[in-house]
Amino acid sequence: MNGLRLKQRLSQPHICCLPGIFDFISLKVADALGFDALYMTGYGTVASHLGLPDAGLATYSDMVGRVQGFCASTSTPIVCDGDTGYGGLLNVDHTVRGYEKAGAAAIAAGGASLYFGMLGAAMAGVLAALLALKKHTERVGSARPEGETTKD
C-alpha cells in the first residue's frame, strides 16, 4: 500500500524531496510539513537509538522495529535504509520482506561497506560503487516478489 502511494507520488511531474528522519521527533516535524515521502536514514536512526555511530552495531531486529514504529506513526510513505541487508543473500530477502511487512514504502540497501581512509568522499563513493557492483547486484536479485520461486 505505501509502495503504491510512493510510486504515484514519484510519477508526478514535480521534484520529490524526502527529508531524512531518524527518531519520532524528526518524523513528526517532517510529516507535519507535508512532504511527498520521508527517508529513514540508517546512520541517524542508529545514532539516535543507540547513541553510537553506525558501525554495524545495530541489528536487523533493532532497525525493523524502528521501521515499524515510524511507519505506524504516519501515512506518509517512508523509504527506509536497509543497510546491506544484514548478511548474505537470504538475509537480504528476509530484510526486504520484513521492512515491507513493517510498512516501508521502499528500501535503500547496499551501502558501501569499504573504508577508504584519506580518499575524498566523492572518490570513495565512486570506488565503492565500482568495487561493490557485483555483490550488490546479487543482493538485489536475491529479493524476489512473494510467490516467485525461481530466478529468470
N, C-alpha and C. Protein backbone atom coordinates (compact mmCIF):
# COMPACT_ATOMS: atom_id res chain seq x y z
N MET A 1 0.82 -1.20 0.00
CA MET A 1 0.00 0.00 0.00
C MET A 1 0.86 1.26 0.00
N ASN A 2 1.82 1.35 0.95
CA ASN A 2 2.71 2.51 0.98
C ASN A 2 3.56 2.58 -0.27
N GLY A 3 3.97 1.42 -0.78
CA GLY A 3 4.77 1.38 -2.00
C GLY A 3 4.02 1.95 -3.19
N LEU A 4 2.72 1.66 -3.29
CA LEU A 4 1.91 2.20 -4.38
C LEU A 4 1.76 3.71 -4.26
N ARG A 5 1.56 4.19 -3.02
CA ARG A 5 1.46 5.65 -2.82
C ARG A 5 2.77 6.33 -3.19
N LEU A 6 3.90 5.72 -2.82
CA LEU A 6 5.19 6.30 -3.17
C LEU A 6 5.37 6.33 -4.68
N LYS A 7 5.03 5.23 -5.34
CA LYS A 7 5.16 5.17 -6.80
C LYS A 7 4.32 6.26 -7.46
N GLN A 8 3.10 6.47 -6.98
CA GLN A 8 2.24 7.52 -7.53
C GLN A 8 2.85 8.90 -7.32
N ARG A 9 3.39 9.13 -6.14
CA ARG A 9 3.98 10.44 -5.84
C ARG A 9 5.24 10.68 -6.66
N LEU A 10 6.02 9.64 -6.88
CA LEU A 10 7.24 9.80 -7.67
C LEU A 10 6.95 9.98 -9.16
N SER A 11 5.78 9.55 -9.60
CA SER A 11 5.44 9.69 -11.01
C SER A 11 4.88 11.08 -11.35
N GLN A 12 4.67 11.91 -10.35
CA GLN A 12 4.18 13.27 -10.59
C GLN A 12 5.27 14.10 -11.26
N PRO A 13 4.88 15.15 -11.99
CA PRO A 13 5.87 15.93 -12.75
C PRO A 13 6.69 16.92 -11.91
N HIS A 14 6.64 16.82 -10.60
CA HIS A 14 7.43 17.73 -9.78
C HIS A 14 8.53 16.96 -9.05
N ILE A 15 9.47 17.69 -8.53
CA ILE A 15 10.58 17.08 -7.79
C ILE A 15 10.07 16.67 -6.41
N CYS A 16 10.40 15.46 -6.02
CA CYS A 16 10.03 14.97 -4.69
C CYS A 16 11.23 15.13 -3.76
N CYS A 17 10.99 15.75 -2.65
CA CYS A 17 12.02 15.93 -1.64
C CYS A 17 11.69 15.02 -0.47
N LEU A 18 12.63 14.16 -0.09
CA LEU A 18 12.41 13.23 1.01
C LEU A 18 13.35 13.59 2.16
N PRO A 19 12.86 14.34 3.14
CA PRO A 19 13.73 14.71 4.25
C PRO A 19 14.09 13.49 5.09
N GLY A 20 15.29 13.51 5.64
CA GLY A 20 15.74 12.41 6.48
C GLY A 20 15.12 12.46 7.86
N ILE A 21 14.65 11.32 8.31
CA ILE A 21 14.14 11.19 9.68
C ILE A 21 15.00 10.17 10.41
N PHE A 22 15.10 10.33 11.72
CA PHE A 22 15.96 9.45 12.49
C PHE A 22 15.38 9.08 13.85
N ASP A 23 14.34 9.79 14.26
CA ASP A 23 13.63 9.48 15.50
C ASP A 23 12.19 9.98 15.37
N PHE A 24 11.41 9.80 16.41
CA PHE A 24 9.99 10.17 16.29
C PHE A 24 9.77 11.67 16.24
N ILE A 25 10.66 12.44 16.85
CA ILE A 25 10.53 13.91 16.78
C ILE A 25 10.78 14.37 15.35
N SER A 26 11.86 13.91 14.74
CA SER A 26 12.15 14.32 13.36
C SER A 26 11.04 13.83 12.42
N LEU A 27 10.49 12.67 12.70
CA LEU A 27 9.37 12.14 11.91
C LEU A 27 8.17 13.08 11.99
N LYS A 28 7.80 13.47 13.19
CA LYS A 28 6.62 14.32 13.38
C LYS A 28 6.82 15.69 12.74
N VAL A 29 8.01 16.27 12.87
CA VAL A 29 8.29 17.58 12.27
C VAL A 29 8.21 17.49 10.75
N ALA A 30 8.92 16.52 10.16
CA ALA A 30 8.93 16.38 8.70
C ALA A 30 7.54 16.04 8.17
N ASP A 31 6.83 15.19 8.89
CA ASP A 31 5.49 14.79 8.46
C ASP A 31 4.53 15.98 8.47
N ALA A 32 4.65 16.83 9.47
CA ALA A 32 3.76 18.00 9.58
C ALA A 32 4.00 19.00 8.46
N LEU A 33 5.16 18.95 7.81
CA LEU A 33 5.47 19.89 6.74
C LEU A 33 4.92 19.45 5.39
N GLY A 34 4.35 18.25 5.31
CA GLY A 34 3.64 17.82 4.11
C GLY A 34 4.49 17.33 2.95
N PHE A 35 5.62 16.73 3.22
CA PHE A 35 6.45 16.19 2.14
C PHE A 35 5.77 14.99 1.48
N ASP A 36 6.16 14.72 0.22
CA ASP A 36 5.59 13.59 -0.52
C ASP A 36 5.96 12.25 0.11
N ALA A 37 7.14 12.18 0.67
CA ALA A 37 7.64 10.95 1.28
C ALA A 37 8.76 11.35 2.25
N LEU A 38 9.18 10.39 3.05
CA LEU A 38 10.25 10.61 4.03
C LEU A 38 11.33 9.56 3.80
N TYR A 39 12.54 9.83 4.33
CA TYR A 39 13.63 8.87 4.21
C TYR A 39 14.19 8.57 5.59
N MET A 40 14.11 7.31 6.02
CA MET A 40 14.69 6.91 7.29
C MET A 40 16.18 6.65 7.09
N THR A 41 17.00 7.54 7.61
CA THR A 41 18.44 7.40 7.48
C THR A 41 18.98 6.38 8.46
N GLY A 42 19.80 5.47 7.98
CA GLY A 42 20.36 4.45 8.85
C GLY A 42 21.30 5.02 9.90
N TYR A 43 22.22 5.89 9.47
CA TYR A 43 23.19 6.45 10.41
C TYR A 43 22.49 7.22 11.51
N GLY A 44 21.57 8.11 11.12
CA GLY A 44 20.87 8.92 12.11
C GLY A 44 20.01 8.09 13.04
N THR A 45 19.36 7.07 12.49
CA THR A 45 18.49 6.21 13.31
C THR A 45 19.31 5.45 14.33
N VAL A 46 20.45 4.91 13.91
CA VAL A 46 21.32 4.18 14.84
C VAL A 46 21.87 5.13 15.90
N ALA A 47 22.34 6.30 15.47
CA ALA A 47 22.91 7.26 16.41
C ALA A 47 21.89 7.72 17.45
N SER A 48 20.65 7.97 17.02
CA SER A 48 19.63 8.43 17.98
C SER A 48 19.12 7.28 18.85
N HIS A 49 19.13 6.06 18.32
CA HIS A 49 18.61 4.90 19.05
C HIS A 49 19.64 4.36 20.05
N LEU A 50 20.89 4.24 19.61
CA LEU A 50 21.93 3.64 20.44
C LEU A 50 22.91 4.65 21.02
N GLY A 51 22.88 5.88 20.49
CA GLY A 51 23.84 6.88 20.95
C GLY A 51 25.25 6.61 20.47
N LEU A 52 25.36 5.87 19.37
CA LEU A 52 26.65 5.47 18.82
C LEU A 52 26.63 5.66 17.31
N PRO A 53 27.80 5.82 16.70
CA PRO A 53 27.83 5.89 15.23
C PRO A 53 27.41 4.56 14.62
N ASP A 54 26.95 4.61 13.38
CA ASP A 54 26.53 3.41 12.67
C ASP A 54 27.77 2.64 12.23
N ALA A 55 28.19 1.73 13.08
CA ALA A 55 29.39 0.94 12.80
C ALA A 55 29.06 -0.54 12.82
N GLY A 56 27.84 -0.89 12.40
CA GLY A 56 27.44 -2.29 12.35
C GLY A 56 26.93 -2.83 13.67
N LEU A 57 26.67 -1.96 14.64
CA LEU A 57 26.21 -2.41 15.96
C LEU A 57 24.71 -2.66 16.01
N ALA A 58 23.95 -1.93 15.21
CA ALA A 58 22.50 -2.12 15.19
C ALA A 58 22.18 -3.39 14.41
N THR A 59 21.27 -4.17 14.94
CA THR A 59 20.89 -5.42 14.30
C THR A 59 19.67 -5.21 13.40
N TYR A 60 19.38 -6.21 12.61
CA TYR A 60 18.15 -6.20 11.82
C TYR A 60 16.95 -5.97 12.72
N SER A 61 16.89 -6.65 13.85
CA SER A 61 15.76 -6.52 14.77
C SER A 61 15.63 -5.09 15.29
N ASP A 62 16.76 -4.46 15.64
CA ASP A 62 16.72 -3.06 16.06
C ASP A 62 16.08 -2.19 14.99
N MET A 63 16.54 -2.37 13.77
CA MET A 63 16.12 -1.48 12.69
C MET A 63 14.71 -1.76 12.21
N VAL A 64 14.32 -3.02 12.09
CA VAL A 64 12.95 -3.31 11.63
C VAL A 64 11.95 -2.82 12.67
N GLY A 65 12.34 -2.84 13.93
CA GLY A 65 11.48 -2.29 14.98
C GLY A 65 11.28 -0.80 14.82
N ARG A 66 12.36 -0.09 14.45
CA ARG A 66 12.25 1.36 14.20
C ARG A 66 11.40 1.61 12.96
N VAL A 67 11.61 0.82 11.91
CA VAL A 67 10.80 0.97 10.69
C VAL A 67 9.32 0.83 11.05
N GLN A 68 8.99 -0.19 11.80
CA GLN A 68 7.60 -0.45 12.16
C GLN A 68 7.01 0.70 12.97
N GLY A 69 7.78 1.19 13.93
CA GLY A 69 7.30 2.31 14.73
C GLY A 69 7.09 3.57 13.92
N PHE A 70 8.06 3.89 13.06
CA PHE A 70 7.95 5.09 12.23
C PHE A 70 6.75 4.98 11.28
N CYS A 71 6.65 3.86 10.61
CA CYS A 71 5.58 3.69 9.61
C CYS A 71 4.19 3.67 10.24
N ALA A 72 4.09 3.17 11.46
CA ALA A 72 2.80 3.16 12.16
C ALA A 72 2.39 4.56 12.61
N SER A 73 3.34 5.48 12.64
CA SER A 73 3.08 6.83 13.15
C SER A 73 2.72 7.83 12.07
N THR A 74 2.67 7.42 10.81
CA THR A 74 2.37 8.34 9.72
C THR A 74 1.74 7.60 8.55
N SER A 75 1.02 8.34 7.74
CA SER A 75 0.51 7.76 6.50
C SER A 75 1.39 8.16 5.32
N THR A 76 2.39 9.01 5.58
CA THR A 76 3.33 9.43 4.54
C THR A 76 4.27 8.26 4.24
N PRO A 77 4.48 7.91 2.97
CA PRO A 77 5.39 6.81 2.64
C PRO A 77 6.81 7.08 3.13
N ILE A 78 7.47 6.04 3.61
CA ILE A 78 8.85 6.17 4.09
C ILE A 78 9.74 5.20 3.33
N VAL A 79 10.82 5.74 2.76
CA VAL A 79 11.89 4.93 2.17
C VAL A 79 12.87 4.67 3.31
N CYS A 80 13.17 3.41 3.58
CA CYS A 80 13.97 3.04 4.75
C CYS A 80 15.32 2.46 4.36
N ASP A 81 16.34 2.89 5.09
CA ASP A 81 17.69 2.38 4.88
C ASP A 81 17.77 0.96 5.41
N GLY A 82 18.11 0.02 4.53
CA GLY A 82 18.22 -1.39 4.91
C GLY A 82 19.65 -1.86 5.02
N ASP A 83 20.58 -0.90 5.21
CA ASP A 83 22.00 -1.23 5.35
C ASP A 83 22.42 -2.06 4.13
N THR A 84 23.06 -3.19 4.34
CA THR A 84 23.44 -4.06 3.23
C THR A 84 22.59 -5.33 3.21
N GLY A 85 21.51 -5.31 3.98
CA GLY A 85 20.63 -6.48 4.04
C GLY A 85 20.92 -7.38 5.23
N TYR A 86 21.88 -6.99 6.07
CA TYR A 86 22.20 -7.70 7.32
C TYR A 86 22.68 -9.13 7.11
N GLY A 87 23.54 -9.34 6.13
CA GLY A 87 24.12 -10.66 5.95
C GLY A 87 24.17 -11.06 4.50
N GLY A 88 24.03 -12.36 4.26
CA GLY A 88 24.11 -12.91 2.91
C GLY A 88 22.82 -12.72 2.13
N LEU A 89 22.74 -13.42 1.02
CA LEU A 89 21.61 -13.25 0.11
C LEU A 89 20.27 -13.60 0.74
N LEU A 90 20.21 -14.64 1.55
CA LEU A 90 18.96 -14.98 2.23
C LEU A 90 18.56 -13.90 3.22
N ASN A 91 19.56 -13.30 3.87
CA ASN A 91 19.27 -12.22 4.81
C ASN A 91 18.68 -11.00 4.09
N VAL A 92 19.18 -10.73 2.88
CA VAL A 92 18.66 -9.60 2.10
C VAL A 92 17.18 -9.83 1.81
N ASP A 93 16.83 -11.02 1.37
CA ASP A 93 15.44 -11.34 1.09
C ASP A 93 14.60 -11.18 2.37
N HIS A 94 15.11 -11.68 3.49
CA HIS A 94 14.42 -11.57 4.77
C HIS A 94 14.25 -10.11 5.18
N THR A 95 15.28 -9.30 4.96
CA THR A 95 15.23 -7.87 5.30
C THR A 95 14.17 -7.15 4.47
N VAL A 96 14.18 -7.39 3.17
CA VAL A 96 13.20 -6.73 2.29
C VAL A 96 11.78 -7.10 2.71
N ARG A 97 11.53 -8.37 2.95
CA ARG A 97 10.19 -8.81 3.35
C ARG A 97 9.81 -8.25 4.72
N GLY A 98 10.76 -8.22 5.64
CA GLY A 98 10.49 -7.69 6.98
C GLY A 98 10.19 -6.20 6.96
N TYR A 99 10.97 -5.44 6.20
CA TYR A 99 10.74 -4.00 6.10
C TYR A 99 9.39 -3.73 5.43
N GLU A 100 9.07 -4.52 4.41
CA GLU A 100 7.78 -4.34 3.73
C GLU A 100 6.63 -4.62 4.70
N LYS A 101 6.74 -5.70 5.46
CA LYS A 101 5.71 -6.04 6.44
C LYS A 101 5.60 -4.97 7.52
N ALA A 102 6.71 -4.33 7.85
CA ALA A 102 6.73 -3.28 8.87
C ALA A 102 6.13 -1.97 8.35
N GLY A 103 5.92 -1.88 7.02
CA GLY A 103 5.26 -0.70 6.46
C GLY A 103 6.12 0.17 5.57
N ALA A 104 7.38 -0.20 5.34
CA ALA A 104 8.24 0.62 4.48
C ALA A 104 7.68 0.67 3.07
N ALA A 105 7.73 1.86 2.47
CA ALA A 105 7.27 2.02 1.08
C ALA A 105 8.34 1.54 0.11
N ALA A 106 9.59 1.65 0.51
CA ALA A 106 10.72 1.20 -0.30
C ALA A 106 11.91 1.01 0.63
N ILE A 107 12.92 0.32 0.14
CA ILE A 107 14.13 0.08 0.93
C ILE A 107 15.34 0.50 0.12
N ALA A 108 16.23 1.20 0.79
CA ALA A 108 17.51 1.55 0.19
C ALA A 108 18.53 0.62 0.84
N ALA A 109 19.12 -0.26 0.05
CA ALA A 109 20.06 -1.23 0.59
C ALA A 109 21.31 -1.27 -0.27
N GLY A 110 22.39 -1.72 0.32
CA GLY A 110 23.61 -1.90 -0.45
C GLY A 110 24.61 -0.79 -0.25
N GLY A 111 24.59 -0.13 0.89
CA GLY A 111 25.56 0.92 1.17
C GLY A 111 26.97 0.38 1.12
N ALA A 112 27.91 1.24 0.79
CA ALA A 112 29.31 0.83 0.70
C ALA A 112 29.80 0.37 2.07
N SER A 113 30.45 -0.76 2.10
CA SER A 113 30.97 -1.27 3.36
C SER A 113 32.49 -1.20 3.39
N LEU A 114 33.06 -0.44 2.49
CA LEU A 114 34.51 -0.30 2.42
C LEU A 114 34.95 1.03 3.02
N TYR A 115 36.09 1.02 3.66
CA TYR A 115 36.64 2.25 4.24
C TYR A 115 37.79 2.72 3.37
N PHE A 116 37.75 3.98 2.97
CA PHE A 116 38.77 4.48 2.05
C PHE A 116 39.71 5.50 2.67
N GLY A 117 39.72 5.62 3.97
CA GLY A 117 40.67 6.46 4.67
C GLY A 117 40.77 7.88 4.15
N MET A 118 41.88 8.19 3.53
CA MET A 118 42.18 9.57 3.15
C MET A 118 41.56 9.99 1.82
N LEU A 119 40.92 9.10 1.10
CA LEU A 119 40.31 9.50 -0.16
C LEU A 119 39.17 10.46 0.09
N GLY A 120 38.93 11.36 -0.84
CA GLY A 120 37.81 12.27 -0.73
C GLY A 120 36.50 11.49 -0.77
N ALA A 121 35.48 12.08 -0.20
CA ALA A 121 34.18 11.41 -0.12
C ALA A 121 33.63 11.06 -1.50
N ALA A 122 33.77 11.97 -2.46
CA ALA A 122 33.23 11.70 -3.80
C ALA A 122 33.97 10.53 -4.44
N MET A 123 35.29 10.52 -4.35
CA MET A 123 36.07 9.43 -4.94
C MET A 123 35.80 8.11 -4.22
N ALA A 124 35.66 8.17 -2.91
CA ALA A 124 35.35 6.96 -2.16
C ALA A 124 34.02 6.38 -2.62
N GLY A 125 33.05 7.24 -2.85
CA GLY A 125 31.74 6.78 -3.32
C GLY A 125 31.83 6.13 -4.68
N VAL A 126 32.62 6.72 -5.59
CA VAL A 126 32.78 6.16 -6.93
C VAL A 126 33.47 4.80 -6.85
N LEU A 127 34.55 4.73 -6.08
CA LEU A 127 35.27 3.47 -5.94
C LEU A 127 34.40 2.40 -5.28
N ALA A 128 33.66 2.78 -4.26
CA ALA A 128 32.79 1.81 -3.59
C ALA A 128 31.76 1.26 -4.56
N ALA A 129 31.20 2.13 -5.36
CA ALA A 129 30.19 1.69 -6.33
C ALA A 129 30.80 0.73 -7.33
N LEU A 130 31.98 1.03 -7.82
CA LEU A 130 32.63 0.16 -8.80
C LEU A 130 33.02 -1.19 -8.19
N LEU A 131 33.59 -1.16 -6.99
CA LEU A 131 34.07 -2.39 -6.37
C LEU A 131 32.94 -3.30 -5.88
N ALA A 132 31.80 -2.71 -5.54
CA ALA A 132 30.72 -3.49 -4.95
C ALA A 132 29.60 -3.83 -5.92
N LEU A 133 29.71 -3.47 -7.18
CA LEU A 133 28.62 -3.65 -8.12
C LEU A 133 28.13 -5.10 -8.20
N LYS A 134 29.03 -6.04 -8.37
CA LYS A 134 28.62 -7.44 -8.49
C LYS A 134 27.93 -7.93 -7.22
N LYS A 135 28.51 -7.62 -6.07
CA LYS A 135 27.94 -8.07 -4.80
C LYS A 135 26.53 -7.52 -4.62
N HIS A 136 26.34 -6.25 -4.91
CA HIS A 136 25.03 -5.63 -4.69
C HIS A 136 24.01 -6.07 -5.73
N THR A 137 24.47 -6.38 -6.93
CA THR A 137 23.56 -6.91 -7.94
C THR A 137 23.01 -8.26 -7.48
N GLU A 138 23.87 -9.08 -6.91
CA GLU A 138 23.42 -10.37 -6.38
C GLU A 138 22.45 -10.17 -5.22
N ARG A 139 22.73 -9.20 -4.36
CA ARG A 139 21.86 -8.94 -3.21
C ARG A 139 20.46 -8.52 -3.67
N VAL A 140 20.40 -7.58 -4.60
CA VAL A 140 19.11 -7.11 -5.10
C VAL A 140 18.37 -8.26 -5.78
N GLY A 141 19.09 -9.06 -6.54
CA GLY A 141 18.48 -10.19 -7.25
C GLY A 141 17.95 -11.26 -6.32
N SER A 142 18.45 -11.32 -5.09
CA SER A 142 18.00 -12.36 -4.16
C SER A 142 16.63 -12.05 -3.56
N ALA A 143 16.20 -10.80 -3.59
CA ALA A 143 14.89 -10.44 -3.05
C ALA A 143 13.88 -10.51 -4.19
N ARG A 144 13.01 -11.49 -4.14
CA ARG A 144 12.04 -11.67 -5.24
C ARG A 144 10.63 -11.49 -4.73
N PRO A 145 9.72 -11.17 -5.62
CA PRO A 145 8.32 -10.96 -5.21
C PRO A 145 7.73 -12.19 -4.53
N GLU A 146 6.77 -11.95 -3.67
CA GLU A 146 6.08 -13.02 -2.96
C GLU A 146 5.55 -14.05 -3.96
N GLY A 147 5.79 -15.31 -3.71
CA GLY A 147 5.29 -16.39 -4.56
C GLY A 147 6.25 -16.80 -5.66
N GLU A 148 7.22 -15.99 -5.99
CA GLU A 148 8.17 -16.33 -7.04
C GLU A 148 9.23 -17.26 -6.45
N THR A 149 9.46 -18.38 -7.07
CA THR A 149 10.38 -19.37 -6.50
C THR A 149 11.64 -19.56 -7.31
N THR A 150 11.69 -19.08 -8.54
CA THR A 150 12.88 -19.25 -9.35
C THR A 150 13.31 -17.92 -9.93
N LYS A 151 14.60 -17.83 -10.22
CA LYS A 151 15.13 -16.64 -10.86
C LYS A 151 15.05 -16.80 -12.36
N ASP A 152 14.84 -15.70 -13.07
CA ASP A 152 14.84 -15.73 -14.55
C ASP A 152 16.23 -15.56 -15.07
